[in-house]
Amino acid sequence: MLSGSLLRSCIGTQRLVLTSKHGTKCPIVLAPRHPAFRAHAPNFHLPDGHGHATIASATRIDGTLQLPKELYIRLPEQCQVPPATLPFLHQILERYAERTPGLRTVVEGVMRPSYEADTTGELGHDHLAFRTFGVPGLGIASLERILVPLGYRRVEDSDAPLTFPGKKLVATWFTPIDPRVKAVLPRVFVSEIQVEKLSPEAQGIISGVTSWAAAGDEAVMVQVMAALLTGTAPWPRPSLKQYELLLKESEYAAWVLAHGYSLNHTALALHRLPRMGPSLDMNDFVVQLHGAGMAMNAEGGLVKVSPDGLLLQCSMVADRRPFDFACGQRRDIAAAYVEFVKRLRLPQFANLQDSELREEHLREGFEVGNADRIFESTTLAAKGAAGGQ
């Protein structure tokens, strides 16, 4: 497991230059939780200290912020979350926001006008999602070794194992250990492609860029952590030929080859919207997204509904962004996207008033059918489709 001291030594600094295994340097700024610290965003005036709500943020070297202020995470008083956790998550989200312009469009053009956005933390992250290669030293296990020291635990969903045979994927998710932060600290959904089930040609490409990780030692975990913080892959850039070969067989595998440990998407928690979350109509919300010019993932319907009817999800088609391949060629490829989740109350809490609802009263977990269709958000982008429009 990646040691907590190693995490703190990296994240507890103001300026940090991360160097990948292949010599690429990426400077970042990580703002630690410190009594004198104030986040560099409008209306962020919450000094840290015992018994006080805290915000820790990540900024770029030039001091600018891309993540809308409502999407910074604020912790409740006296919670048991390691000091490194918030700056770690905020750095990942900042990198994601830089390459996902649709996020700001949605927040500023659709969600912000729907409530009084006069404080931070008004919009919650239901979960963050990462994709990986299921190979020795990487895969789900590599994220687990980082998330556990950050105050998360793996959830074993024995009633409905998260397997996707058609896509050759398996997945799991992580939840905060401290129950007091489950309503604000996002779940983390991690999937991996079963590389051994791919063609020999595809396996050869993936093995060629990941074989160095087989040792699974702390040095490998440092590379994984650096990739998470910088939104990159811990291996050399692929050639266009390699990418296209994987794309023909598995869009998921091609996405991971190009983007590595970049955040695939954040899912915004619509059920937490102040004053309107429980009553929000998902279909009306999708109409608003269309009005803002957002292309939606229409696989399985614009709103994906779990069999029990209590988990509602929709997602945008991923942005297409320029990518420079190792061969010197540039192509627009599928990048990241935004998902939206509404969790409904469990039957045993039907008598509660909307104002009384808490996260523990709502449907928990994930559902394979919904997730299988949400995965298509990048597939549609890779095909150049404008799903749902």
Protein backbone atom coordinates (compact mmCIF):
# COMPACT_ATOMS: atom_id res chain seq x y z
CA MET A 1 0.00 0.00 0.00
CA LEU A 2 1.22 3.50 -0.75
CA SER A 3 2.20 4.99 2.58
CA GLY A 4 0.29 7.89 4.06
CA SER A 5 3.58 9.65 4.79
CA LEU A 6 4.51 9.52 1.10
CA LEU A 7 1.15 11.00 0.13
CA ARG A 8 1.49 13.77 2.73
CA SER A 9 5.03 14.57 1.65
CA CYS A 10 3.84 15.18 -1.90
CA ILE A 11 0.53 16.88 -1.18
CA GLY A 12 1.57 18.97 1.77
CA THR A 13 3.70 21.25 -0.38
CA GLN A 14 2.85 24.47 -2.18
CA ARG A 15 4.73 23.73 -5.41
CA LEU A 16 5.55 20.34 -6.77
CA VAL A 17 7.11 19.18 -10.02
CA LEU A 18 6.16 15.60 -10.83
CA THR A 19 8.44 13.71 -13.18
CA SER A 20 7.08 10.65 -14.92
CA LYS A 21 8.97 7.42 -15.46
CA HIS A 22 9.69 8.65 -18.97
CA GLY A 23 11.06 12.07 -18.01
CA THR A 24 8.00 14.24 -18.58
CA LYS A 25 7.82 17.05 -16.02
CA CYS A 26 4.54 18.61 -14.90
CA PRO A 27 4.53 21.42 -12.33
CA ILE A 28 1.48 21.69 -10.09
CA VAL A 29 0.49 23.62 -7.00
CA LEU A 30 -1.20 21.84 -4.13
CA ALA A 31 -2.68 23.99 -1.40
CA PRO A 32 -2.40 22.15 1.93
CA ARG A 33 -4.83 22.36 4.79
CA HIS A 34 -3.14 24.94 7.00
CA PRO A 35 -4.41 27.44 9.59
CA ALA A 36 -3.30 30.37 7.42
CA PHE A 37 -4.61 28.96 4.17
CA ARG A 38 -7.52 30.48 2.28
CA ALA A 39 -8.55 28.95 -1.04
CA HIS A 40 -7.93 31.04 -4.15
CA ALA A 41 -11.55 31.19 -5.29
CA PRO A 42 -14.36 33.71 -4.85
CA ASN A 43 -16.21 33.47 -1.54
CA PHE A 44 -13.77 30.90 -0.10
CA HIS A 45 -13.20 32.19 3.42
CA LEU A 46 -13.00 29.11 5.57
CA PRO A 47 -9.74 28.91 7.56
CA ASP A 48 -8.86 25.44 8.66
CA GLY A 49 -8.73 24.31 12.22
CA HIS A 50 -10.07 21.74 14.62
CA GLY A 51 -13.85 21.79 14.62
CA HIS A 52 -14.24 23.94 11.51
CA ALA A 53 -15.42 23.08 8.03
CA THR A 54 -12.47 22.96 5.66
CA ILE A 55 -11.80 23.45 1.99
CA ALA A 56 -8.47 22.63 0.40
CA SER A 57 -7.94 23.42 -3.23
CA ALA A 58 -5.46 22.85 -6.00
CA THR A 59 -4.38 25.62 -8.33
CA ARG A 60 -2.35 25.80 -11.48
CA ILE A 61 1.06 27.49 -11.49
CA ASP A 62 -0.51 30.65 -12.93
CA GLY A 63 -3.01 30.72 -10.05
CA THR A 64 -6.13 30.32 -12.19
CA LEU A 65 -8.96 27.96 -11.32
CA GLN A 66 -11.02 26.00 -13.83
CA LEU A 67 -13.31 24.12 -11.45
CA PRO A 68 -16.53 26.07 -10.72
CA LYS A 69 -16.56 27.21 -7.12
CA GLU A 70 -19.71 25.21 -6.34
CA LEU A 71 -17.83 21.98 -7.05
CA TYR A 72 -15.19 22.37 -4.36
CA ILE A 73 -15.73 19.94 -1.52
CA ARG A 74 -16.36 21.21 1.98
CA LEU A 75 -16.05 18.85 4.93
CA PRO A 76 -18.21 18.92 8.07
CA GLU A 77 -16.83 19.70 11.48
CA GLN A 78 -14.46 17.29 13.20
CA CYS A 79 -14.61 14.65 10.50
CA GLN A 80 -11.93 11.98 10.27
CA VAL A 81 -10.53 12.57 6.80
CA PRO A 82 -6.75 12.57 6.22
CA PRO A 83 -5.36 16.07 5.51
CA ALA A 84 -4.10 15.00 2.07
CA THR A 85 -7.50 13.88 0.78
CA LEU A 86 -9.11 17.17 -0.22
CA PRO A 87 -6.12 18.72 -2.02
CA PHE A 88 -5.60 15.40 -3.78
CA LEU A 89 -9.19 15.27 -5.04
CA HIS A 90 -9.27 18.95 -5.93
CA GLN A 91 -6.09 18.66 -7.99
CA ILE A 92 -7.63 15.80 -9.96
CA LEU A 93 -10.83 17.78 -10.46
CA GLU A 94 -8.91 20.87 -11.59
CA ARG A 95 -7.14 18.90 -14.31
CA TYR A 96 -10.46 17.38 -15.33
CA ALA A 97 -12.14 20.80 -15.50
CA GLU A 98 -9.36 22.15 -17.72
CA ARG A 99 -10.12 19.60 -20.44
CA THR A 100 -13.90 19.36 -19.98
CA PRO A 101 -15.39 22.69 -21.10
CA GLY A 102 -18.91 21.27 -20.92
CA LEU A 103 -18.63 21.18 -17.11
CA ARG A 104 -18.55 24.95 -16.75
CA THR A 105 -21.27 25.37 -19.39
CA VAL A 106 -23.58 23.07 -17.43
CA VAL A 107 -22.86 24.61 -14.04
CA GLU A 108 -23.06 28.23 -15.15
CA GLY A 109 -25.77 27.91 -17.80
CA VAL A 110 -28.09 25.25 -16.40
CA MET A 111 -27.51 24.45 -12.75
CA ARG A 112 -26.47 27.78 -11.25
CA PRO A 113 -29.62 29.64 -12.37
CA SER A 114 -31.73 26.96 -10.65
CA TYR A 115 -30.68 27.85 -7.11
CA GLU A 116 -29.09 30.65 -5.12
CA ALA A 117 -25.40 30.04 -5.70
CA ASP A 118 -24.13 32.29 -2.96
CA THR A 119 -22.01 29.76 -1.07
CA THR A 120 -19.45 27.12 -1.91
CA GLY A 121 -20.18 23.43 -1.86
CA GLU A 122 -23.74 23.80 -3.17
CA LEU A 123 -23.25 21.20 -5.89
CA GLY A 124 -22.07 17.80 -4.76
CA HIS A 125 -20.12 15.07 -6.56
CA ASP A 126 -22.02 11.80 -6.34
CA HIS A 127 -18.98 9.93 -7.58
CA LEU A 128 -15.74 10.18 -9.54
CA ALA A 129 -14.90 7.53 -12.15
CA PHE A 130 -11.56 6.16 -13.33
CA ARG A 131 -10.68 3.61 -16.03
CA THR A 132 -7.66 1.29 -15.95
CA PHE A 133 -5.92 -1.65 -17.57
CA GLY A 134 -6.37 -4.90 -15.65
CA VAL A 135 -2.70 -5.89 -15.63
CA PRO A 136 -0.24 -6.70 -12.81
CA GLY A 137 0.72 -3.61 -10.83
CA LEU A 138 -2.08 -1.43 -12.24
CA GLY A 139 -5.84 -1.90 -12.52
CA ILE A 140 -8.33 -1.50 -9.69
CA ALA A 141 -5.75 -2.61 -7.13
CA SER A 142 -3.50 0.36 -7.93
CA LEU A 143 -6.30 2.83 -7.13
CA GLU A 144 -7.17 0.92 -3.97
CA ARG A 145 -3.62 1.28 -2.67
CA ILE A 146 -3.95 5.05 -2.98
CA LEU A 147 -7.57 5.51 -1.88
CA VAL A 148 -7.35 3.51 1.35
CA PRO A 149 -4.76 5.84 2.97
CA LEU A 150 -6.99 8.73 1.90
CA GLY A 151 -9.87 7.51 4.06
CA TYR A 152 -11.76 5.24 1.66
CA ARG A 153 -12.77 1.58 1.80
CA ARG A 154 -13.67 -0.80 -0.98
CA VAL A 155 -17.33 -1.86 -1.16
CA GLU A 156 -18.05 -5.47 -2.03
CA ASP A 157 -21.38 -5.46 -3.86
CA SER A 158 -22.12 -9.18 -3.62
CA ASP A 159 -25.80 -8.90 -4.60
CA ALA A 160 -25.03 -7.40 -7.99
CA PRO A 161 -21.38 -7.85 -9.01
CA LEU A 162 -20.28 -5.12 -11.36
CA THR A 163 -19.29 -7.12 -14.43
CA PHE A 164 -19.76 -6.10 -18.05
CA PRO A 165 -19.12 -9.18 -20.22
CA GLY A 166 -19.88 -7.44 -23.50
CA LYS A 167 -17.23 -4.83 -22.83
CA LYS A 168 -14.84 -7.22 -21.02
CA LEU A 169 -14.91 -4.98 -17.94
CA VAL A 170 -15.17 -5.41 -14.20
CA ALA A 171 -15.67 -2.60 -11.71
CA THR A 172 -15.91 -1.81 -8.04
CA TRP A 173 -16.42 1.31 -5.96
CA PHE A 174 -15.07 2.95 -2.86
CA THR A 175 -16.84 4.92 -0.16
CA PRO A 176 -15.51 7.19 2.62
CA ILE A 177 -14.91 5.40 5.90
CA ASP A 178 -16.21 8.27 8.04
CA PRO A 179 -20.05 8.23 7.77
CA ARG A 180 -20.14 11.97 8.50
CA VAL A 181 -18.66 12.80 5.09
CA LYS A 182 -20.64 10.42 2.86
CA ALA A 183 -22.90 13.27 1.79
CA VAL A 184 -20.01 15.44 0.62
CA LEU A 185 -16.98 13.26 -0.18
CA PRO A 186 -17.63 11.49 -3.49
CA ARG A 187 -17.79 7.77 -4.00
CA VAL A 188 -15.06 6.55 -6.36
CA PHE A 189 -16.03 4.15 -9.16
CA VAL A 190 -13.08 2.25 -10.66
CA SER A 191 -13.26 -0.10 -13.63
CA GLU A 192 -10.67 -2.15 -15.46
CA ILE A 193 -10.61 -3.93 -18.78
CA GLN A 194 -9.83 -7.64 -18.70
CA VAL A 195 -6.80 -7.46 -20.95
CA GLU A 196 -6.40 -11.23 -21.11
CA LYS A 197 -9.73 -11.43 -22.97
CA LEU A 198 -8.59 -9.14 -25.79
CA SER A 199 -6.93 -10.23 -29.02
CA PRO A 200 -3.20 -11.06 -29.05
CA GLU A 201 -2.54 -7.85 -31.00
CA ALA A 202 -4.35 -5.71 -28.42
CA GLN A 203 -2.65 -7.51 -25.55
CA GLY A 204 0.72 -6.87 -27.16
CA ILE A 205 0.12 -3.12 -27.37
CA ILE A 206 -1.04 -2.91 -23.75
CA SER A 207 1.77 -5.14 -22.46
CA GLY A 208 4.29 -2.98 -24.29
CA VAL A 209 3.32 0.10 -22.27
CA THR A 210 2.49 -1.51 -18.90
CA SER A 211 4.99 -4.34 -18.35
CA TRP A 212 7.19 -2.02 -16.24
CA ALA A 213 4.46 -1.94 -13.57
CA ALA A 214 4.41 -5.67 -12.87
CA ALA A 215 6.59 -5.30 -9.77
CA GLY A 216 3.79 -3.33 -8.12
CA ASP A 217 6.20 -1.71 -5.70
CA GLU A 218 6.13 1.76 -4.19
CA ALA A 219 7.92 3.21 -7.22
CA VAL A 220 5.03 2.04 -9.40
CA MET A 221 2.55 3.64 -7.02
CA VAL A 222 4.41 6.95 -7.21
CA GLN A 223 4.01 6.86 -10.99
CA VAL A 224 0.30 6.08 -10.63
CA MET A 225 -0.16 8.91 -8.14
CA ALA A 226 1.71 11.30 -10.43
CA ALA A 227 -0.54 10.28 -13.32
CA LEU A 228 -3.65 10.87 -11.20
CA LEU A 229 -2.51 14.32 -10.09
CA THR A 230 -1.45 15.45 -13.54
CA GLY A 231 -4.29 13.84 -15.51
CA THR A 232 -1.94 11.80 -17.69
CA ALA A 233 -0.82 8.25 -18.44
CA PRO A 234 2.20 6.70 -16.69
CA TRP A 235 3.52 5.39 -20.01
CA PRO A 236 4.76 6.97 -23.28
CA ARG A 237 2.26 8.46 -25.71
CA PRO A 238 0.99 5.82 -28.12
CA SER A 239 1.21 6.01 -31.88
CA LEU A 240 -1.93 6.69 -33.88
CA LYS A 241 -1.67 3.18 -35.31
CA GLN A 242 -1.69 1.64 -31.80
CA TYR A 243 -4.64 3.76 -30.75
CA GLU A 244 -6.68 2.93 -33.84
CA LEU A 245 -5.98 -0.80 -33.53
CA LEU A 246 -7.33 -0.78 -29.98
CA LEU A 247 -10.23 1.47 -30.98
CA LYS A 248 -11.48 -1.13 -33.47
CA GLU A 249 -11.63 -3.75 -30.72
CA SER A 250 -12.39 -1.79 -27.55
CA GLU A 251 -13.07 1.94 -27.33
CA TYR A 252 -12.50 1.63 -23.57
CA ALA A 253 -9.00 0.22 -24.08
CA ALA A 254 -8.15 2.95 -26.61
CA TRP A 255 -9.36 5.61 -24.15
CA VAL A 256 -7.12 4.26 -21.37
CA LEU A 257 -4.14 3.98 -23.72
CA ALA A 258 -4.43 7.69 -24.52
CA HIS A 259 -5.59 9.14 -21.21
CA GLY A 260 -4.29 6.73 -18.58
CA TYR A 261 -5.36 7.79 -15.09
CA SER A 262 -7.12 10.98 -16.15
CA LEU A 263 -10.49 11.37 -14.45
CA ASN A 264 -13.02 9.88 -16.86
CA HIS A 265 -15.96 11.79 -15.40
CA THR A 266 -17.53 13.30 -12.35
CA ALA A 267 -21.18 12.59 -11.61
CA LEU A 268 -23.00 15.56 -10.11
CA ALA A 269 -25.52 14.74 -7.39
CA LEU A 270 -28.83 16.28 -8.46
CA HIS A 271 -30.55 15.00 -5.31
CA ARG A 272 -28.37 17.39 -3.29
CA LEU A 273 -29.39 20.54 -5.12
CA PRO A 274 -30.52 23.02 -2.45
CA ARG A 275 -34.26 23.51 -2.16
CA MET A 276 -35.05 21.50 -5.29
CA GLY A 277 -33.06 18.25 -5.32
CA PRO A 278 -35.77 15.80 -4.18
CA SER A 279 -38.39 17.33 -6.48
CA LEU A 280 -36.20 17.77 -9.57
CA ASP A 281 -37.56 16.06 -12.69
CA MET A 282 -34.73 14.35 -14.57
CA ASN A 283 -36.52 14.55 -17.92
CA ASP A 284 -37.01 18.30 -17.52
CA PHE A 285 -33.35 18.59 -16.56
CA VAL A 286 -32.31 16.81 -19.77
CA VAL A 287 -34.43 19.26 -21.75
CA GLN A 288 -32.52 22.10 -20.09
CA LEU A 289 -29.22 20.48 -21.02
CA HIS A 290 -30.38 20.23 -24.64
CA GLY A 291 -31.31 23.90 -24.52
CA ALA A 292 -27.76 24.71 -23.45
CA GLY A 293 -26.42 22.88 -26.51
CA MET A 294 -25.23 19.74 -24.72
CA ALA A 295 -25.08 16.47 -26.68
CA MET A 296 -26.55 13.71 -24.54
CA ASN A 297 -25.90 9.98 -24.33
CA ALA A 298 -29.18 8.42 -25.53
CA GLU A 299 -28.10 4.78 -25.17
CA GLY A 300 -30.89 3.00 -23.30
CA GLY A 301 -32.84 6.25 -23.13
CA LEU A 302 -31.74 9.73 -22.16
CA VAL A 303 -32.47 8.93 -18.49
CA LYS A 304 -31.14 5.55 -17.37
CA VAL A 305 -33.30 4.00 -14.63
CA SER A 306 -32.32 1.10 -12.36
CA PRO A 307 -34.73 -1.87 -12.11
CA ASP A 308 -35.88 -0.71 -8.67
CA GLY A 309 -36.60 2.75 -10.07
CA LEU A 310 -34.53 4.47 -7.39
CA LEU A 311 -31.33 5.32 -9.27
CA LEU A 312 -31.66 7.79 -12.17
CA GLN A 313 -28.66 8.70 -14.32
CA CYS A 314 -27.93 10.62 -17.49
CA SER A 315 -24.70 11.76 -19.09
CA MET A 316 -23.32 14.03 -21.76
CA VAL A 317 -21.44 12.72 -24.75
CA ALA A 318 -17.74 13.13 -24.01
CA ASP A 319 -15.86 16.13 -25.32
CA ARG A 320 -13.57 15.51 -28.29
CA ARG A 321 -10.13 17.00 -27.68
CA PRO A 322 -6.92 17.21 -29.72
CA PHE A 323 -4.37 14.55 -28.84
CA ASP A 324 -0.76 14.51 -30.03
CA PHE A 325 0.36 10.98 -30.83
CA ALA A 326 3.94 9.79 -30.61
CA CYS A 327 4.23 9.62 -34.38
CA GLY A 328 3.75 13.39 -34.58
CA GLN A 329 0.16 13.22 -35.79
CA ARG A 330 -2.71 15.00 -34.05
CA ARG A 331 -6.31 13.80 -33.91
CA ASP A 332 -9.44 14.77 -32.01
CA ILE A 333 -10.35 11.86 -29.74
CA ALA A 334 -12.91 11.17 -27.03
CA ALA A 335 -11.93 12.74 -23.69
CA ALA A 336 -13.94 13.26 -20.48
CA TYR A 337 -17.60 13.97 -19.83
CA VAL A 338 -20.13 14.90 -17.13
CA GLU A 339 -22.71 12.57 -15.61
CA PHE A 340 -25.74 13.45 -13.47
CA VAL A 341 -27.24 11.25 -10.76
CA LYS A 342 -30.43 11.40 -8.75
CA ARG A 343 -30.81 8.94 -5.88
CA LEU A 344 -34.37 8.49 -4.63
CA ARG A 345 -35.46 7.71 -1.10
CA LEU A 346 -35.69 4.11 0.04
CA PRO A 347 -39.24 2.82 0.68
CA GLN A 348 -38.77 2.68 4.45
CA PHE A 349 -38.24 6.45 4.49
CA ALA A 350 -41.32 7.34 2.46
CA ASN A 351 -42.83 9.34 5.32
CA LEU A 352 -39.89 11.73 5.69
CA GLN A 353 -40.28 15.32 4.59
CA ASP A 354 -37.93 16.45 1.81
CA SER A 355 -36.15 18.71 4.30
CA GLU A 356 -35.41 15.67 6.48
CA LEU A 357 -33.79 13.55 3.79
CA ARG A 358 -30.13 12.64 4.26
CA GLU A 359 -27.75 10.59 2.12
CA GLU A 360 -28.36 7.48 4.25
CA HIS A 361 -32.07 7.62 3.36
CA LEU A 362 -31.37 7.30 -0.36
CA ARG A 363 -30.64 4.46 -2.77
CA GLU A 364 -26.97 3.47 -2.50
CA GLY A 365 -24.53 1.85 -4.88
CA PHE A 366 -24.48 1.36 -8.65
CA GLU A 367 -26.39 -0.70 -11.18
CA VAL A 368 -24.80 -2.64 -14.03
CA GLY A 369 -27.41 -1.81 -16.67
CA ASN A 370 -27.16 1.93 -16.06
CA ALA A 371 -23.36 1.88 -15.89
CA ASP A 372 -23.07 -0.18 -19.08
CA ARG A 373 -24.90 2.55 -20.99
CA ILE A 374 -23.06 5.39 -19.27
CA PHE A 375 -19.80 3.86 -20.56
CA GLU A 376 -21.09 4.67 -24.06
CA SER A 377 -20.53 8.40 -23.47
CA THR A 378 -16.98 8.08 -24.77
CA THR A 379 -17.89 5.54 -27.45
CA LEU A 380 -20.38 7.98 -28.95
CA ALA A 381 -17.75 10.72 -28.94
CA ALA A 382 -15.19 8.41 -30.55
CA LYS A 383 -17.69 7.76 -33.34
CA GLY A 384 -18.34 11.47 -33.69
CA ALA A 385 -21.99 10.98 -32.74
CA ALA A 386 -24.16 13.61 -31.11
CA GLY A 387 -26.25 11.23 -29.07
CA GLY A 388 -29.72 12.38 -28.17
CA GLN A 389 -29.66 15.57 -30.26
